[in-house]
Amino acid sequence: MKARLVTLVAVTLSCASFASAAQAADPYGNWTRPSTGTQVNFYNCGGKLWG
């Protein structure tokens, strides 16, 4: 039973690390707001994020 709990915790932590890596993706590019369909292009302008 303890080994199963340890395995469950390990799987949960590895899934959480993948989720946080996905959130750290590059913010530049075209983004679409699902609720309205509004599209915004984010780009680098002098080291700053512009949209």
PDB file of N, CA and C in Angstrom:
ATOM      1  N   MET A   1       0.826  -1.190   0.000  1.00  0.00           N
ATOM      2  CA  MET A   1       0.000   0.000   0.000  1.00  0.00           C
ATOM      3  C   MET A   1       0.873   1.257   0.000  1.00  0.00           C
ATOM      4  N   LYS A   2       1.968   1.243   0.787  1.00  0.00           N
ATOM      5  CA  LYS A   2       2.844   2.408   0.859  1.00  0.00           C
ATOM      6  C   LYS A   2       3.541   2.644  -0.485  1.00  0.00           C
ATOM      7  N   ALA A   3       3.926   1.570  -1.159  1.00  0.00           N
ATOM      8  CA  ALA A   3       4.589   1.704  -2.461  1.00  0.00           C
ATOM      9  C   ALA A   3       3.644   2.326  -3.480  1.00  0.00           C
ATOM     10  N   ARG A   4       2.383   1.977  -3.403  1.00  0.00           N
ATOM     11  CA  ARG A   4       1.394   2.543  -4.325  1.00  0.00           C
ATOM     12  C   ARG A   4       1.218   4.035  -4.068  1.00  0.00           C
ATOM     13  N   LEU A   5       1.222   4.450  -2.825  1.00  0.00           N
ATOM     14  CA  LEU A   5       1.106   5.856  -2.473  1.00  0.00           C
ATOM     15  C   LEU A   5       2.312   6.645  -2.969  1.00  0.00           C
ATOM     16  N   VAL A   6       3.504   6.076  -2.803  1.00  0.00           N
ATOM     17  CA  VAL A   6       4.721   6.729  -3.275  1.00  0.00           C
ATOM     18  C   VAL A   6       4.676   6.884  -4.793  1.00  0.00           C
ATOM     19  N   THR A   7       4.221   5.863  -5.493  1.00  0.00           N
ATOM     20  CA  THR A   7       4.096   5.927  -6.948  1.00  0.00           C
ATOM     21  C   THR A   7       3.098   7.001  -7.355  1.00  0.00           C
ATOM     22  N   LEU A   8       1.984   7.082  -6.680  1.00  0.00           N
ATOM     23  CA  LEU A   8       0.967   8.089  -6.974  1.00  0.00           C
ATOM     24  C   LEU A   8       1.506   9.498  -6.771  1.00  0.00           C
ATOM     25  N   VAL A   9       2.239   9.709  -5.698  1.00  0.00           N
ATOM     26  CA  VAL A   9       2.836  11.025  -5.430  1.00  0.00           C
ATOM     27  C   VAL A   9       3.861  11.363  -6.511  1.00  0.00           C
ATOM     28  N   ALA A  10       4.670  10.416  -6.911  1.00  0.00           N
ATOM     29  CA  ALA A  10       5.685  10.656  -7.943  1.00  0.00           C
ATOM     30  C   ALA A  10       5.034  11.014  -9.275  1.00  0.00           C
ATOM     31  N   VAL A  11       3.990  10.319  -9.640  1.00  0.00           N
ATOM     32  CA  VAL A  11       3.285  10.616 -10.894  1.00  0.00           C
ATOM     33  C   VAL A  11       2.637  11.988 -10.832  1.00  0.00           C
ATOM     34  N   THR A  12       2.048  12.315  -9.710  1.00  0.00           N
ATOM     35  CA  THR A  12       1.406  13.621  -9.545  1.00  0.00           C
ATOM     36  C   THR A  12       2.420  14.751  -9.664  1.00  0.00           C
ATOM     37  N   LEU A  13       3.560  14.608  -9.032  1.00  0.00           N
ATOM     38  CA  LEU A  13       4.597  15.637  -9.101  1.00  0.00           C
ATOM     39  C   LEU A  13       5.163  15.784 -10.504  1.00  0.00           C
ATOM     40  N   SER A  14       5.342  14.681 -11.204  1.00  0.00           N
ATOM     41  CA  SER A  14       5.878  14.776 -12.566  1.00  0.00           C
ATOM     42  C   SER A  14       4.869  15.438 -13.493  1.00  0.00           C
ATOM     43  N   CYS A  15       3.577  15.176 -13.304  1.00  0.00           N
ATOM     44  CA  CYS A  15       2.551  15.838 -14.106  1.00  0.00           C
ATOM     45  C   CYS A  15       2.514  17.332 -13.804  1.00  0.00           C
ATOM     46  N   ALA A  16       2.684  17.695 -12.567  1.00  0.00           N
ATOM     47  CA  ALA A  16       2.694  19.109 -12.182  1.00  0.00           C
ATOM     48  C   ALA A  16       3.888  19.825 -12.798  1.00  0.00           C
ATOM     49  N   SER A  17       5.022  19.163 -12.895  1.00  0.00           N
ATOM     50  CA  SER A  17       6.193  19.803 -13.495  1.00  0.00           C
ATOM     51  C   SER A  17       5.991  20.021 -14.985  1.00  0.00           C
ATOM     52  N   PHE A  18       5.309  19.099 -15.664  1.00  0.00           N
ATOM     53  CA  PHE A  18       5.016  19.292 -17.082  1.00  0.00           C
ATOM     54  C   PHE A  18       4.055  20.459 -17.273  1.00  0.00           C
ATOM     55  N   ALA A  19       3.080  20.603 -16.403  1.00  0.00           N
ATOM     56  CA  ALA A  19       2.115  21.694 -16.516  1.00  0.00           C
ATOM     57  C   ALA A  19       2.793  23.037 -16.313  1.00  0.00           C
ATOM     58  N   SER A  20       3.695  23.143 -15.360  1.00  0.00           N
ATOM     59  CA  SER A  20       4.372  24.416 -15.136  1.00  0.00           C
ATOM     60  C   SER A  20       5.324  24.733 -16.275  1.00  0.00           C
ATOM     61  N   ALA A  21       5.906  23.739 -16.902  1.00  0.00           N
ATOM     62  CA  ALA A  21       6.771  23.985 -18.052  1.00  0.00           C
ATOM     63  C   ALA A  21       5.958  24.516 -19.223  1.00  0.00           C
ATOM     64  N   ALA A  22       4.755  24.035 -19.389  1.00  0.00           N
ATOM     65  CA  ALA A  22       3.899  24.519 -20.465  1.00  0.00           C
ATOM     66  C   ALA A  22       3.496  25.968 -20.230  1.00  0.00           C
ATOM     67  N   GLN A  23       3.310  26.355 -19.012  1.00  0.00           N
ATOM     68  CA  GLN A  23       2.933  27.724 -18.709  1.00  0.00           C
ATOM     69  C   GLN A  23       4.080  28.688 -18.943  1.00  0.00           C
ATOM     70  N   ALA A  24       5.296  28.200 -18.946  1.00  0.00           N
ATOM     71  CA  ALA A  24       6.458  29.057 -19.118  1.00  0.00           C
ATOM     72  C   ALA A  24       6.817  29.234 -20.590  1.00  0.00           C
ATOM     73  N   ALA A  25       5.909  28.878 -21.490  1.00  0.00           N
ATOM     74  CA  ALA A  25       6.181  28.981 -22.920  1.00  0.00           C
ATOM     75  C   ALA A  25       6.344  30.431 -23.348  1.00  0.00           C
ATOM     76  N   ASP A  26       6.948  30.611 -24.500  1.00  0.00           N
ATOM     77  CA  ASP A  26       7.182  31.930 -25.080  1.00  0.00           C
ATOM     78  C   ASP A  26       5.854  32.649 -25.304  1.00  0.00           C
ATOM     79  N   PRO A  27       5.692  33.886 -24.808  1.00  0.00           N
ATOM     80  CA  PRO A  27       4.408  34.581 -24.931  1.00  0.00           C
ATOM     81  C   PRO A  27       4.193  35.243 -26.291  1.00  0.00           C
ATOM     82  N   TYR A  28       5.217  35.269 -27.128  1.00  0.00           N
ATOM     83  CA  TYR A  28       5.111  35.973 -28.402  1.00  0.00           C
ATOM     84  C   TYR A  28       4.306  35.183 -29.419  1.00  0.00           C
ATOM     85  N   GLY A  29       3.629  35.897 -30.304  1.00  0.00           N
ATOM     86  CA  GLY A  29       2.849  35.257 -31.355  1.00  0.00           C
ATOM     87  C   GLY A  29       1.413  35.714 -31.307  1.00  0.00           C
ATOM     88  N   ASN A  30       0.575  35.041 -32.080  1.00  0.00           N
ATOM     89  CA  ASN A  30      -0.847  35.369 -32.144  1.00  0.00           C
ATOM     90  C   ASN A  30      -1.617  34.575 -31.096  1.00  0.00           C
ATOM     91  N   TRP A  31      -2.430  35.281 -30.323  1.00  0.00           N
ATOM     92  CA  TRP A  31      -3.250  34.663 -29.295  1.00  0.00           C
ATOM     93  C   TRP A  31      -4.705  34.992 -29.586  1.00  0.00           C
ATOM     94  N   THR A  32      -5.574  34.032 -29.355  1.00  0.00           N
ATOM     95  CA  THR A  32      -7.007  34.219 -29.580  1.00  0.00           C
ATOM     96  C   THR A  32      -7.752  34.016 -28.276  1.00  0.00           C
ATOM     97  N   ARG A  33      -8.620  34.982 -27.956  1.00  0.00           N
ATOM     98  CA  ARG A  33      -9.460  34.848 -26.766  1.00  0.00           C
ATOM     99  C   ARG A  33     -10.660  33.979 -27.134  1.00  0.00           C
ATOM    100  N   PRO A  34     -10.808  32.800 -26.495  1.00  0.00           N
ATOM    101  CA  PRO A  34     -11.865  31.863 -26.886  1.00  0.00           C
ATOM    102  C   PRO A  34     -13.286  32.419 -26.747  1.00  0.00           C
ATOM    103  N   SER A  35     -13.518  33.240 -25.742  1.00  0.00           N
ATOM    104  CA  SER A  35     -14.887  33.706 -25.504  1.00  0.00           C
ATOM    105  C   SER A  35     -15.385  34.689 -26.554  1.00  0.00           C
ATOM    106  N   THR A  36     -14.466  35.465 -27.154  1.00  0.00           N
ATOM    107  CA  THR A  36     -14.896  36.486 -28.120  1.00  0.00           C
ATOM    108  C   THR A  36     -14.295  36.310 -29.504  1.00  0.00           C
ATOM    109  N   GLY A  37     -13.240  35.495 -29.609  1.00  0.00           N
ATOM    110  CA  GLY A  37     -12.568  35.317 -30.886  1.00  0.00           C
ATOM    111  C   GLY A  37     -11.593  36.443 -31.210  1.00  0.00           C
ATOM    112  N   THR A  38     -11.403  37.374 -30.272  1.00  0.00           N
ATOM    113  CA  THR A  38     -10.479  38.483 -30.472  1.00  0.00           C
ATOM    114  C   THR A  38      -9.058  37.955 -30.604  1.00  0.00           C
ATOM    115  N   GLN A  39      -8.326  38.436 -31.603  1.00  0.00           N
ATOM    116  CA  GLN A  39      -6.955  38.006 -31.829  1.00  0.00           C
ATOM    117  C   GLN A  39      -6.007  39.157 -31.520  1.00  0.00           C
ATOM    118  N   VAL A  40      -4.921  38.838 -30.816  1.00  0.00           N
ATOM    119  CA  VAL A  40      -3.908  39.824 -30.467  1.00  0.00           C
ATOM    120  C   VAL A  40      -2.546  39.243 -30.838  1.00  0.00           C
ATOM    121  N   ASN A  41      -1.712  40.064 -31.466  1.00  0.00           N
ATOM    122  CA  ASN A  41      -0.360  39.660 -31.810  1.00  0.00           C
ATOM    123  C   ASN A  41       0.595  40.263 -30.788  1.00  0.00           C
ATOM    124  N   PHE A  42       1.302  39.425 -30.043  1.00  0.00           N
ATOM    125  CA  PHE A  42       2.295  39.882 -29.070  1.00  0.00           C
ATOM    126  C   PHE A  42       3.670  39.766 -29.697  1.00  0.00           C
ATOM    127  N   TYR A  43       4.487  40.812 -29.553  1.00  0.00           N
ATOM    128  CA  TYR A  43       5.811  40.819 -30.155  1.00  0.00           C
ATOM    129  C   TYR A  43       6.807  41.546 -29.269  1.00  0.00           C
ATOM    130  N   ASN A  44       8.096  41.353 -29.570  1.00  0.00           N
ATOM    131  CA  ASN A  44       9.172  41.956 -28.813  1.00  0.00           C
ATOM    132  C   ASN A  44       9.498  43.301 -29.460  1.00  0.00           C
ATOM    133  N   CYS A  45       9.409  44.353 -28.687  1.00  0.00           N
ATOM    134  CA  CYS A  45       9.735  45.685 -29.177  1.00  0.00           C
ATOM    135  C   CYS A  45      10.723  46.312 -28.191  1.00  0.00           C
ATOM    136  N   GLY A  46      11.986  46.303 -28.538  1.00  0.00           N
ATOM    137  CA  GLY A  46      12.996  46.876 -27.659  1.00  0.00           C
ATOM    138  C   GLY A  46      13.129  46.153 -26.341  1.00  0.00           C
ATOM    139  N   GLY A  47      12.924  44.841 -26.350  1.00  0.00           N
ATOM    140  CA  GLY A  47      13.033  44.051 -25.130  1.00  0.00           C
ATOM    141  C   GLY A  47      11.778  44.049 -24.278  1.00  0.00           C
ATOM    142  N   LYS A  48      10.724  44.672 -24.741  1.00  0.00           N
ATOM    143  CA  LYS A  48       9.445  44.725 -24.013  1.00  0.00           C
ATOM    144  C   LYS A  48       8.390  43.911 -24.765  1.00  0.00           C
ATOM    145  N   LEU A  49       7.414  43.413 -24.039  1.00  0.00           N
ATOM    146  CA  LEU A  49       6.305  42.675 -24.636  1.00  0.00           C
ATOM    147  C   LEU A  49       5.220  43.664 -25.057  1.00  0.00           C
ATOM    148  N   TRP A  50       4.905  43.678 -26.346  1.00  0.00           N
ATOM    149  CA  TRP A  50       3.859  44.559 -26.875  1.00  0.00           C
ATOM    150  C   TRP A  50       2.776  43.723 -27.516  1.00  0.00           C
ATOM    151  N   GLY A  51       1.556  44.235 -27.484  1.00  0.00           N
ATOM    152  CA  GLY A  51       0.446  43.532 -28.124  1.00  0.00           C
ATOM    153  C   GLY A  51      -0.483  44.475 -28.815  1.00  0.00           C
TER     154      GLY A  51
END
